[in-house]
Amino acid sequence: LYAAEAETLEGFGEVPEIIPIFLIHRPANNIPYATVEEE
């Protein structure tokens, strides 16, 4: 929402992005839940 507003402003430039994080279930693992995100 911040990016949508800031990007319309002349001279603002690139806007910070919070990368998505995903929850995965690994039933065979001792710790069955983990998060995955872009490196």
Full PDB file with SEQRES, HELIX, SHEET, SSBOND, CRYST1, ORIGX, SCALE, CONECT and MASTER records, all heavy atoms in Angstrom:
SEQRES   1 A   39  LEU TYR ALA ALA GLU ALA GLU THR LEU GLU GLY PHE GLY          
SEQRES   2 A   39  GLU VAL PRO GLU ILE ILE PRO ILE PHE LEU ILE HIS ARG          
SEQRES   3 A   39  PRO ALA ASN ASN ILE PRO TYR ALA THR VAL GLU GLU GLU          
HELIX    1 AA1 TYR A    2  ALA A    6  1                                   5    
SHEET    1 AA1 2 ILE A  21  HIS A  25  0                                        
SHEET    2 AA1 2 TYR A  33  GLU A  37 -1                                        
CRYST1    1.000    1.000    1.000  90.00  90.00  90.00 P 1           1          
ORIGX1      1.000000  0.000000  0.000000        0.00000                         
ORIGX2      0.000000  1.000000  0.000000        0.00000                         
ORIGX3      0.000000  0.000000  1.000000        0.00000                         
SCALE1      1.000000  0.000000  0.000000        0.00000                         
SCALE2      0.000000  1.000000  0.000000        0.00000                         
SCALE3      0.000000  0.000000  1.000000        0.00000                         
ATOM      1  N   LEU A   1       0.839  -1.209   0.000  1.00  0.00           N  
ATOM      2  CA  LEU A   1       0.000   0.000   0.000  1.00  0.00           C  
ATOM      3  C   LEU A   1       0.871   1.255   0.000  1.00  0.00           C  
ATOM      4  O   LEU A   1       0.594   2.232  -0.688  1.00  0.00           O  
ATOM      5  CB  LEU A   1      -0.929   0.006   1.221  1.00  0.00           C  
ATOM      6  CG  LEU A   1      -1.986  -1.100   1.268  1.00  0.00           C  
ATOM      7  CD1 LEU A   1      -2.673  -1.129   2.632  1.00  0.00           C  
ATOM      8  CD2 LEU A   1      -3.019  -0.913   0.165  1.00  0.00           C  
ATOM      9  N   TYR A   2       1.940   1.219   0.795  1.00  0.00           N  
ATOM     10  CA  TYR A   2       2.917   2.322   0.868  1.00  0.00           C  
ATOM     11  C   TYR A   2       3.542   2.537  -0.510  1.00  0.00           C  
ATOM     12  O   TYR A   2       3.632   3.664  -0.993  1.00  0.00           O  
ATOM     13  CB  TYR A   2       3.973   1.952   1.913  1.00  0.00           C  
ATOM     14  CG  TYR A   2       5.220   2.807   1.983  1.00  0.00           C  
ATOM     15  CD1 TYR A   2       5.153   4.147   2.353  1.00  0.00           C  
ATOM     16  CD2 TYR A   2       6.480   2.248   1.738  1.00  0.00           C  
ATOM     17  CE1 TYR A   2       6.313   4.917   2.463  1.00  0.00           C  
ATOM     18  CE2 TYR A   2       7.638   3.013   1.856  1.00  0.00           C  
ATOM     19  CZ  TYR A   2       7.547   4.339   2.220  1.00  0.00           C  
ATOM     20  OH  TYR A   2       8.690   5.090   2.344  1.00  0.00           O  
ATOM     21  N   ALA A   3       3.957   1.454  -1.159  1.00  0.00           N  
ATOM     22  CA  ALA A   3       4.586   1.526  -2.482  1.00  0.00           C  
ATOM     23  C   ALA A   3       3.627   2.127  -3.505  1.00  0.00           C  
ATOM     24  O   ALA A   3       4.012   2.975  -4.310  1.00  0.00           O  
ATOM     25  CB  ALA A   3       5.042   0.138  -2.924  1.00  0.00           C  
ATOM     26  N   ALA A   4       2.359   1.699  -3.456  1.00  0.00           N  
ATOM     27  CA  ALA A   4       1.361   2.196  -4.412  1.00  0.00           C  
ATOM     28  C   ALA A   4       1.219   3.713  -4.303  1.00  0.00           C  
ATOM     29  O   ALA A   4       1.059   4.412  -5.306  1.00  0.00           O  
ATOM     30  CB  ALA A   4       0.020   1.519  -4.165  1.00  0.00           C  
ATOM     31  N   GLU A   5       1.303   4.237  -3.074  1.00  0.00           N  
ATOM     32  CA  GLU A   5       1.181   5.680  -2.862  1.00  0.00           C  
ATOM     33  C   GLU A   5       2.484   6.398  -3.222  1.00  0.00           C  
ATOM     34  O   GLU A   5       2.475   7.421  -3.894  1.00  0.00           O  
ATOM     35  CB  GLU A   5       0.812   5.949  -1.397  1.00  0.00           C  
ATOM     36  CG  GLU A   5       0.309   7.352  -1.171  1.00  0.00           C  
ATOM     37  CD  GLU A   5      -0.274   7.561   0.226  1.00  0.00           C  
ATOM     38  OE1 GLU A   5      -0.999   6.680   0.725  1.00  0.00           O  
ATOM     39  OE2 GLU A   5       0.020   8.613   0.819  1.00  0.00           O  
ATOM     40  N   ALA A   6       3.616   5.847  -2.784  1.00  0.00           N  
ATOM     41  CA  ALA A   6       4.918   6.497  -2.988  1.00  0.00           C  
ATOM     42  C   ALA A   6       5.337   6.509  -4.453  1.00  0.00           C  
ATOM     43  O   ALA A   6       5.917   7.491  -4.930  1.00  0.00           O  
ATOM     44  CB  ALA A   6       5.975   5.807  -2.141  1.00  0.00           C  
ATOM     45  N   GLU A   7       5.041   5.431  -5.169  1.00  0.00           N  
ATOM     46  CA  GLU A   7       5.484   5.322  -6.568  1.00  0.00           C  
ATOM     47  C   GLU A   7       4.830   6.347  -7.494  1.00  0.00           C  
ATOM     48  O   GLU A   7       5.341   6.636  -8.568  1.00  0.00           O  
ATOM     49  CB  GLU A   7       5.228   3.899  -7.097  1.00  0.00           C  
ATOM     50  CG  GLU A   7       6.256   2.907  -6.579  1.00  0.00           C  
ATOM     51  CD  GLU A   7       5.882   1.449  -6.824  1.00  0.00           C  
ATOM     52  OE1 GLU A   7       4.738   1.171  -7.249  1.00  0.00           O  
ATOM     53  OE2 GLU A   7       6.741   0.582  -6.577  1.00  0.00           O  
ATOM     54  N   THR A   8       3.710   6.918  -7.068  1.00  0.00           N  
ATOM     55  CA  THR A   8       3.043   7.930  -7.893  1.00  0.00           C  
ATOM     56  C   THR A   8       3.705   9.300  -7.732  1.00  0.00           C  
ATOM     57  O   THR A   8       3.426  10.210  -8.501  1.00  0.00           O  
ATOM     58  CB  THR A   8       1.548   8.065  -7.499  1.00  0.00           C  
ATOM     59  OG1 THR A   8       1.470   8.494  -6.128  1.00  0.00           O  
ATOM     60  CG2 THR A   8       0.803   6.748  -7.675  1.00  0.00           C  
ATOM     61  N   LEU A   9       4.564   9.448  -6.730  1.00  0.00           N  
ATOM     62  CA  LEU A   9       5.197  10.742  -6.463  1.00  0.00           C  
ATOM     63  C   LEU A   9       6.444  10.918  -7.313  1.00  0.00           C  
ATOM     64  O   LEU A   9       7.316  10.045  -7.348  1.00  0.00           O  
ATOM     65  CB  LEU A   9       5.579  10.856  -4.981  1.00  0.00           C  
ATOM     66  CG  LEU A   9       4.436  10.724  -3.969  1.00  0.00           C  
ATOM     67  CD1 LEU A   9       4.983  10.656  -2.565  1.00  0.00           C  
ATOM     68  CD2 LEU A   9       3.460  11.885  -4.111  1.00  0.00           C  
ATOM     69  N   GLU A  10       6.530  12.061  -7.959  1.00  0.00           N  
ATOM     70  CA  GLU A  10       7.687  12.341  -8.806  1.00  0.00           C  
ATOM     71  C   GLU A  10       8.945  12.457  -7.942  1.00  0.00           C  
ATOM     72  O   GLU A  10       8.953  13.157  -6.928  1.00  0.00           O  
ATOM     73  CB  GLU A  10       7.455  13.650  -9.572  1.00  0.00           C  
ATOM     74  CG  GLU A  10       8.449  13.880 -10.688  1.00  0.00           C  
ATOM     75  CD  GLU A  10       8.223  15.177 -11.439  1.00  0.00           C  
ATOM     76  OE1 GLU A  10       7.061  15.654 -11.448  1.00  0.00           O  
ATOM     77  OE2 GLU A  10       9.191  15.712 -11.976  1.00  0.00           O  
ATOM     78  N   GLY A  11       9.985  11.724  -8.324  1.00  0.00           N  
ATOM     79  CA  GLY A  11      11.259  11.824  -7.609  1.00  0.00           C  
ATOM     80  C   GLY A  11      11.390  10.911  -6.404  1.00  0.00           C  
ATOM     81  O   GLY A  11      12.436  10.894  -5.762  1.00  0.00           O  
ATOM     82  N   PHE A  12      10.344  10.143  -6.065  1.00  0.00           N  
ATOM     83  CA  PHE A  12      10.447   9.261  -4.891  1.00  0.00           C  
ATOM     84  C   PHE A  12      11.376   8.090  -5.194  1.00  0.00           C  
ATOM     85  O   PHE A  12      12.185   7.702  -4.371  1.00  0.00           O  
ATOM     86  CB  PHE A  12       9.070   8.745  -4.453  1.00  0.00           C  
ATOM     87  CG  PHE A  12       9.075   8.152  -3.058  1.00  0.00           C  
ATOM     88  CD1 PHE A  12       8.723   8.916  -1.961  1.00  0.00           C  
ATOM     89  CD2 PHE A  12       9.442   6.821  -2.843  1.00  0.00           C  
ATOM     90  CE1 PHE A  12       8.738   8.389  -0.677  1.00  0.00           C  
ATOM     91  CE2 PHE A  12       9.468   6.282  -1.565  1.00  0.00           C  
ATOM     92  CZ  PHE A  12       9.112   7.071  -0.477  1.00  0.00           C  
ATOM     93  N   GLY A  13      11.246   7.521  -6.386  1.00  0.00           N  
ATOM     94  CA  GLY A  13      12.142   6.425  -6.773  1.00  0.00           C  
ATOM     95  C   GLY A  13      11.723   5.082  -6.204  1.00  0.00           C  
ATOM     96  O   GLY A  13      10.560   4.872  -5.849  1.00  0.00           O  
ATOM     97  N   GLU A  14      12.710   4.181  -6.068  1.00  0.00           N  
ATOM     98  CA  GLU A  14      12.456   2.814  -5.612  1.00  0.00           C  
ATOM     99  C   GLU A  14      11.906   2.791  -4.189  1.00  0.00           C  
ATOM    100  O   GLU A  14      12.274   3.618  -3.355  1.00  0.00           O  
ATOM    101  CB  GLU A  14      13.777   2.026  -5.673  1.00  0.00           C  
ATOM    102  CG  GLU A  14      13.600   0.532  -5.562  1.00  0.00           C  
ATOM    103  CD  GLU A  14      14.937  -0.226  -5.570  1.00  0.00           C  
ATOM    104  OE1 GLU A  14      15.991   0.396  -5.814  1.00  0.00           O  
ATOM    105  OE2 GLU A  14      14.896  -1.439  -5.305  1.00  0.00           O  
ATOM    106  N   VAL A  15      11.011   1.849  -3.935  1.00  0.00           N  
ATOM    107  CA  VAL A  15      10.357   1.741  -2.629  1.00  0.00           C  
ATOM    108  C   VAL A  15      10.757   0.419  -1.969  1.00  0.00           C  
ATOM    109  O   VAL A  15      10.828  -0.605  -2.642  1.00  0.00           O  
ATOM    110  CB  VAL A  15       8.811   1.810  -2.789  1.00  0.00           C  
ATOM    111  CG1 VAL A  15       8.123   1.773  -1.437  1.00  0.00           C  
ATOM    112  CG2 VAL A  15       8.410   3.062  -3.547  1.00  0.00           C  
ATOM    113  N   PRO A  16      11.030   0.427  -0.647  1.00  0.00           N  
ATOM    114  CA  PRO A  16      11.380  -0.831   0.028  1.00  0.00           C  
ATOM    115  C   PRO A  16      10.277  -1.881  -0.123  1.00  0.00           C  
ATOM    116  O   PRO A  16       9.091  -1.548  -0.130  1.00  0.00           O  
ATOM    117  CB  PRO A  16      11.525  -0.422   1.496  1.00  0.00           C  
ATOM    118  CG  PRO A  16      11.798   1.046   1.464  1.00  0.00           C  
ATOM    119  CD  PRO A  16      11.066   1.570   0.272  1.00  0.00           C  
ATOM    120  N   GLU A  17      10.693  -3.130  -0.237  1.00  0.00           N  
ATOM    121  CA  GLU A  17       9.761  -4.243  -0.393  1.00  0.00           C  
ATOM    122  C   GLU A  17      10.021  -5.261   0.716  1.00  0.00           C  
ATOM    123  O   GLU A  17      11.172  -5.586   1.006  1.00  0.00           O  
ATOM    124  CB  GLU A  17       9.994  -4.913  -1.759  1.00  0.00           C  
ATOM    125  CG  GLU A  17       9.193  -6.168  -1.970  1.00  0.00           C  
ATOM    126  CD  GLU A  17       9.743  -7.070  -3.087  1.00  0.00           C  
ATOM    127  OE1 GLU A  17      10.718  -6.706  -3.752  1.00  0.00           O  
ATOM    128  OE2 GLU A  17       9.171  -8.164  -3.248  1.00  0.00           O  
ATOM    129  N   ILE A  18       8.962  -5.731   1.346  1.00  0.00           N  
ATOM    130  CA  ILE A  18       9.104  -6.800   2.337  1.00  0.00           C  
ATOM    131  C   ILE A  18       8.837  -8.104   1.588  1.00  0.00           C  
ATOM    132  O   ILE A  18       7.763  -8.274   1.011  1.00  0.00           O  
ATOM    133  CB  ILE A  18       8.142  -6.608   3.526  1.00  0.00           C  
ATOM    134  CG1 ILE A  18       8.525  -5.328   4.289  1.00  0.00           C  
ATOM    135  CG2 ILE A  18       8.177  -7.818   4.455  1.00  0.00           C  
ATOM    136  CD1 ILE A  18       7.545  -4.900   5.357  1.00  0.00           C  
ATOM    137  N   ILE A  19       9.836  -8.980   1.576  1.00  0.00           N  
ATOM    138  CA  ILE A  19       9.696 -10.206   0.779  1.00  0.00           C  
ATOM    139  C   ILE A  19       8.711 -11.166   1.446  1.00  0.00           C  
ATOM    140  O   ILE A  19       8.577 -11.180   2.673  1.00  0.00           O  
ATOM    141  CB  ILE A  19      11.065 -10.892   0.521  1.00  0.00           C  
ATOM    142  CG1 ILE A  19      11.712 -11.355   1.832  1.00  0.00           C  
ATOM    143  CG2 ILE A  19      11.999  -9.974  -0.262  1.00  0.00           C  
ATOM    144  CD1 ILE A  19      12.950 -12.231   1.630  1.00  0.00           C  
ATOM    145  N   PRO A  20       8.013 -11.986   0.644  1.00  0.00           N  
ATOM    146  CA  PRO A  20       7.059 -12.940   1.239  1.00  0.00           C  
ATOM    147  C   PRO A  20       7.780 -14.076   1.952  1.00  0.00           C  
ATOM    148  O   PRO A  20       8.911 -14.418   1.610  1.00  0.00           O  
ATOM    149  CB  PRO A  20       6.277 -13.458   0.030  1.00  0.00           C  
ATOM    150  CG  PRO A  20       7.176 -13.250  -1.138  1.00  0.00           C  
ATOM    151  CD  PRO A  20       8.039 -12.056  -0.817  1.00  0.00           C  
ATOM    152  N   ILE A  21       7.120 -14.623   2.944  1.00  0.00           N  
ATOM    153  CA  ILE A  21       7.655 -15.780   3.674  1.00  0.00           C  
ATOM    154  C   ILE A  21       6.582 -16.865   3.661  1.00  0.00           C  
ATOM    155  O   ILE A  21       5.393 -16.565   3.811  1.00  0.00           O  
ATOM    156  CB  ILE A  21       8.082 -15.372   5.108  1.00  0.00           C  
ATOM    157  CG1 ILE A  21       8.755 -16.522   5.836  1.00  0.00           C  
ATOM    158  CG2 ILE A  21       6.932 -14.817   5.901  1.00  0.00           C  
ATOM    159  CD1 ILE A  21       9.430 -16.106   7.148  1.00  0.00           C  
ATOM    160  N   PHE A  22       6.983 -18.102   3.421  1.00  0.00           N  
ATOM    161  CA  PHE A  22       6.025 -19.201   3.275  1.00  0.00           C  
ATOM    162  C   PHE A  22       6.242 -20.257   4.352  1.00  0.00           C  
ATOM    163  O   PHE A  22       7.380 -20.554   4.719  1.00  0.00           O  
ATOM    164  CB  PHE A  22       6.163 -19.846   1.889  1.00  0.00           C  
ATOM    165  CG  PHE A  22       5.999 -18.867   0.766  1.00  0.00           C  
ATOM    166  CD1 PHE A  22       7.115 -18.321   0.141  1.00  0.00           C  
ATOM    167  CD2 PHE A  22       4.742 -18.464   0.348  1.00  0.00           C  
ATOM    168  CE1 PHE A  22       6.974 -17.402  -0.897  1.00  0.00           C  
ATOM    169  CE2 PHE A  22       4.586 -17.547  -0.686  1.00  0.00           C  
ATOM    170  CZ  PHE A  22       5.703 -17.016  -1.309  1.00  0.00           C  
ATOM    171  N   LEU A  23       5.148 -20.807   4.823  1.00  0.00           N  
ATOM    172  CA  LEU A  23       5.192 -21.874   5.823  1.00  0.00           C  
ATOM    173  C   LEU A  23       5.074 -23.207   5.092  1.00  0.00           C  
ATOM    174  O   LEU A  23       4.185 -23.396   4.268  1.00  0.00           O  
ATOM    175  CB  LEU A  23       4.020 -21.706   6.796  1.00  0.00           C  
ATOM    176  CG  LEU A  23       3.925 -22.733   7.930  1.00  0.00           C  
ATOM    177  CD1 LEU A  23       5.075 -22.560   8.918  1.00  0.00           C  
ATOM    178  CD2 LEU A  23       2.588 -22.599   8.642  1.00  0.00           C  
ATOM    179  N   ILE A  24       6.001 -24.125   5.383  1.00  0.00           N  
ATOM    180  CA  ILE A  24       5.886 -25.453   4.779  1.00  0.00           C  
ATOM    181  C   ILE A  24       5.799 -26.513   5.878  1.00  0.00           C  
ATOM    182  O   ILE A  24       6.365 -26.344   6.964  1.00  0.00           O  
ATOM    183  CB  ILE A  24       7.058 -25.771   3.804  1.00  0.00           C  
ATOM    184  CG1 ILE A  24       8.419 -25.687   4.518  1.00  0.00           C  
ATOM    185  CG2 ILE A  24       7.029 -24.876   2.588  1.00  0.00           C  
ATOM    186  CD1 ILE A  24       9.533 -26.360   3.744  1.00  0.00           C  
ATOM    187  N   HIS A  25       5.088 -27.585   5.572  1.00  0.00           N  
ATOM    188  CA  HIS A  25       4.940 -28.700   6.504  1.00  0.00           C  
ATOM    189  C   HIS A  25       5.782 -29.857   5.993  1.00  0.00           C  
ATOM    190  O   HIS A  25       5.655 -30.272   4.839  1.00  0.00           O  
ATOM    191  CB  HIS A  25       3.458 -29.099   6.603  1.00  0.00           C  
ATOM    192  CG  HIS A  25       3.215 -30.184   7.599  1.00  0.00           C  
ATOM    193  ND1 HIS A  25       2.409 -31.258   7.350  1.00  0.00           N  
ATOM    194  CD2 HIS A  25       3.694 -30.370   8.866  1.00  0.00           C  
ATOM    195  CE1 HIS A  25       2.389 -32.053   8.403  1.00  0.00           C  
ATOM    196  NE2 HIS A  25       3.161 -31.541   9.328  1.00  0.00           N  
ATOM    197  N   ARG A  26       6.670 -30.347   6.881  1.00  0.00           N  
ATOM    198  CA  ARG A  26       7.539 -31.476   6.506  1.00  0.00           C  
ATOM    199  C   ARG A  26       7.244 -32.631   7.466  1.00  0.00           C  
ATOM    200  O   ARG A  26       7.900 -32.768   8.500  1.00  0.00           O  
ATOM    201  CB  ARG A  26       9.008 -31.061   6.616  1.00  0.00           C  
ATOM    202  CG  ARG A  26       9.337 -29.782   5.841  1.00  0.00           C  
ATOM    203  CD  ARG A  26      10.747 -29.308   6.105  1.00  0.00           C  
ATOM    204  NE  ARG A  26      10.961 -29.007   7.512  1.00  0.00           N  
ATOM    205  CZ  ARG A  26      12.149 -28.722   8.043  1.00  0.00           C  
ATOM    206  NH1 ARG A  26      13.220 -28.708   7.288  1.00  0.00           N  
ATOM    207  NH2 ARG A  26      12.275 -28.458   9.314  1.00  0.00           N  
ATOM    208  N   PRO A  27       6.242 -33.455   7.168  1.00  0.00           N  
ATOM    209  CA  PRO A  27       5.793 -34.486   8.117  1.00  0.00           C  
ATOM    210  C   PRO A  27       6.864 -35.494   8.515  1.00  0.00           C  
ATOM    211  O   PRO A  27       6.829 -36.021   9.621  1.00  0.00           O  
ATOM    212  CB  PRO A  27       4.632 -35.171   7.400  1.00  0.00           C  
ATOM    213  CG  PRO A  27       4.670 -34.708   5.994  1.00  0.00           C  
ATOM    214  CD  PRO A  27       5.446 -33.446   5.938  1.00  0.00           C  
ATOM    215  N   ALA A  28       7.845 -35.755   7.673  1.00  0.00           N  
ATOM    216  CA  ALA A  28       8.880 -36.756   7.999  1.00  0.00           C  
ATOM    217  C   ALA A  28      10.011 -36.180   8.850  1.00  0.00           C  
ATOM    218  O   ALA A  28      10.863 -36.915   9.343  1.00  0.00           O  
ATOM    219  CB  ALA A  28       9.459 -37.328   6.705  1.00  0.00           C  
ATOM    220  N   ASN A  29       9.996 -34.857   9.058  1.00  0.00           N  
ATOM    221  CA  ASN A  29      11.098 -34.205   9.767  1.00  0.00           C  
ATOM    222  C   ASN A  29      10.801 -34.091  11.264  1.00  0.00           C  
ATOM    223  O   ASN A  29       9.642 -33.990  11.665  1.00  0.00           O  
ATOM    224  CB  ASN A  29      11.303 -32.807   9.160  1.00  0.00           C  
ATOM    225  CG  ASN A  29      12.664 -32.252   9.454  1.00  0.00           C  
ATOM    226  OD1 ASN A  29      12.955 -31.933  10.595  1.00  0.00           O  
ATOM    227  ND2 ASN A  29      13.485 -32.125   8.422  1.00  0.00           N  
ATOM    228  N   ASN A  30      11.853 -34.079  12.094  1.00  0.00           N  
ATOM    229  CA  ASN A  30      11.690 -33.879  13.550  1.00  0.00           C  
ATOM    230  C   ASN A  30      11.038 -32.539  13.863  1.00  0.00           C  
ATOM    231  O   ASN A  30      10.280 -32.410  14.812  1.00  0.00           O  
ATOM    232  CB  ASN A  30      13.049 -33.945  14.256  1.00  0.00           C  
ATOM    233  CG  ASN A  30      13.587 -35.366  14.314  1.00  0.00           C  
ATOM    234  OD1 ASN A  30      12.814 -36.316  14.142  1.00  0.00           O  
ATOM    235  ND2 ASN A  30      14.875 -35.511  14.534  1.00  0.00           N  
ATOM    236  N   ILE A  31      11.404 -31.510  13.095  1.00  0.00           N  
ATOM    237  CA  ILE A  31      10.764 -30.195  13.228  1.00  0.00           C  
ATOM    238  C   ILE A  31       9.842 -30.083  12.010  1.00  0.00           C  
ATOM    239  O   ILE A  31      10.301 -29.801  10.896  1.00  0.00           O  
ATOM    240  CB  ILE A  31      11.812 -29.061  13.253  1.00  0.00           C  
ATOM    241  CG1 ILE A  31      12.797 -29.300  14.407  1.00  0.00           C  
ATOM    242  CG2 ILE A  31      11.142 -27.706  13.393  1.00  0.00           C  
ATOM    243  CD1 ILE A  31      14.052 -28.479  14.347  1.00  0.00           C  
ATOM    244  N   PRO A  32       8.543 -30.372  12.194  1.00  0.00           N  
ATOM    245  CA  PRO A  32       7.641 -30.521  11.045  1.00  0.00           C  
ATOM    246  C   PRO A  32       7.309 -29.238  10.281  1.00  0.00           C  
ATOM    247  O   PRO A  32       6.844 -29.302   9.158  1.00  0.00           O  
ATOM    248  CB  PRO A  32       6.388 -31.137  11.643  1.00  0.00           C  
ATOM    249  CG  PRO A  32       6.427 -30.760  13.083  1.00  0.00           C  
ATOM    250  CD  PRO A  32       7.863 -30.633  13.464  1.00  0.00           C  
ATOM    251  N   TYR A  33       7.528 -28.055  10.899  1.00  0.00           N  
ATOM    252  CA  TYR A  33       7.188 -26.810  10.208  1.00  0.00           C  
ATOM    253  C   TYR A  33       8.443 -25.973   9.995  1.00  0.00           C  
ATOM    254  O   TYR A  33       9.313 -25.907  10.860  1.00  0.00           O  
ATOM    255  CB  TYR A  33       6.163 -25.994  11.000  1.00  0.00           C  
ATOM    256  CG  TYR A  33       4.801 -26.630  10.992  1.00  0.00           C  
ATOM    257  CD1 TYR A  33       4.390 -27.447  12.048  1.00  0.00           C  
ATOM    258  CD2 TYR A  33       3.938 -26.440   9.921  1.00  0.00           C  
ATOM    259  CE1 TYR A  33       3.137 -28.051  12.033  1.00  0.00           C  
ATOM    260  CE2 TYR A  33       2.686 -27.042   9.896  1.00  0.00           C  
ATOM    261  CZ  TYR A  33       2.295 -27.846  10.951  1.00  0.00           C  
ATOM    262  OH  TYR A  33       1.066 -28.439  10.919  1.00  0.00           O  
ATOM    263  N   ALA A  34       8.523 -25.344   8.839  1.00  0.00           N  
ATOM    264  CA  ALA A  34       9.653 -24.471   8.532  1.00  0.00           C  
ATOM    265  C   ALA A  34       9.162 -23.328   7.654  1.00  0.00           C  
ATOM    266  O   ALA A  34       8.074 -23.397   7.070  1.00  0.00           O  
ATOM    267  CB  ALA A  34      10.742 -25.250   7.811  1.00  0.00           C  
ATOM    268  N   THR A  35       9.964 -22.267   7.610  1.00  0.00           N  
ATOM    269  CA  THR A  35       9.628 -21.152   6.728  1.00  0.00           C  
ATOM    270  C   THR A  35      10.615 -21.120   5.571  1.00  0.00           C  
ATOM    271  O   THR A  35      11.773 -21.504   5.721  1.00  0.00           O  
ATOM    272  CB  THR A  35       9.678 -19.806   7.482  1.00  0.00           C  
ATOM    273  OG1 THR A  35      10.983 -19.637   8.034  1.00  0.00           O  
ATOM    274  CG2 THR A  35       8.639 -19.743   8.581  1.00  0.00           C  
ATOM    275  N   VAL A  36      10.119 -20.667   4.447  1.00  0.00           N  
ATOM    276  CA  VAL A  36      10.950 -20.559   3.252  1.00  0.00           C  
ATOM    277  C   VAL A  36      10.778 -19.151   2.697  1.00  0.00           C  
ATOM    278  O   VAL A  36       9.657 -18.635   2.623  1.00  0.00           O  
ATOM    279  CB  VAL A  36      10.503 -21.580   2.173  1.00  0.00           C  
ATOM    280  CG1 VAL A  36      11.359 -21.449   0.919  1.00  0.00           C  
ATOM    281  CG2 VAL A  36      10.571 -22.991   2.709  1.00  0.00           C  
ATOM    282  N   GLU A  37      11.911 -18.538   2.345  1.00  0.00           N  
ATOM    283  CA  GLU A  37      11.856 -17.229   1.706  1.00  0.00           C  
ATOM    284  C   GLU A  37      13.036 -17.074   0.767  1.00  0.00           C  
ATOM    285  O   GLU A  37      14.002 -17.841   0.817  1.00  0.00           O  
ATOM    286  CB  GLU A  37      11.825 -16.108   2.747  1.00  0.00           C  
ATOM    287  CG  GLU A  37      13.055 -16.029   3.618  1.00  0.00           C  
ATOM    288  CD  GLU A  37      12.949 -14.948   4.692  1.00  0.00           C  
ATOM    289  OE1 GLU A  37      12.163 -13.998   4.568  1.00  0.00           O  
ATOM    290  OE2 GLU A  37      13.693 -15.083   5.671  1.00  0.00           O  
ATOM    291  N   GLU A  38      12.956 -16.049  -0.066  1.00  0.00           N  
ATOM    292  CA  GLU A  38      14.021 -15.749  -1.021  1.00  0.00           C  
ATOM    293  C   GLU A  38      15.326 -15.461  -0.271  1.00  0.00           C  
ATOM    294  O   GLU A  38      15.316 -14.811   0.778  1.00  0.00           O  
ATOM    295  CB  GLU A  38      13.586 -14.503  -1.814  1.00  0.00           C  
ATOM    296  CG  GLU A  38      14.596 -13.953  -2.772  1.00  0.00           C  
ATOM    297  CD  GLU A  38      14.168 -12.595  -3.349  1.00  0.00           C  
ATOM    298  OE1 GLU A  38      12.987 -12.219  -3.216  1.00  0.00           O  
ATOM    299  OE2 GLU A  38      15.029 -11.926  -3.919  1.00  0.00           O  
ATOM    300  N   GLU A  39      16.430 -15.933  -0.806  1.00  0.00           N  
ATOM    301  CA  GLU A  39      17.731 -15.645  -0.191  1.00  0.00           C  
ATOM    302  C   GLU A  39      18.168 -14.253  -0.620  1.00  0.00           C  
ATOM    303  O   GLU A  39      18.154 -13.924  -1.809  1.00  0.00           O  
ATOM    304  CB  GLU A  39      18.769 -16.674  -0.646  1.00  0.00           C  
ATOM    305  CG  GLU A  39      20.115 -16.471   0.025  1.00  0.00           C  
ATOM    306  CD  GLU A  39      21.193 -17.428  -0.479  1.00  0.00           C  
ATOM    307  OE1 GLU A  39      20.919 -18.216  -1.415  1.00  0.00           O  
ATOM    308  OE2 GLU A  39      22.306 -17.371   0.053  1.00  0.00           O  
TER     309      GLU A  39                                                      
MASTER        0    0    0    1    2    0    0    6  308    1    0    3          
END                                                                             
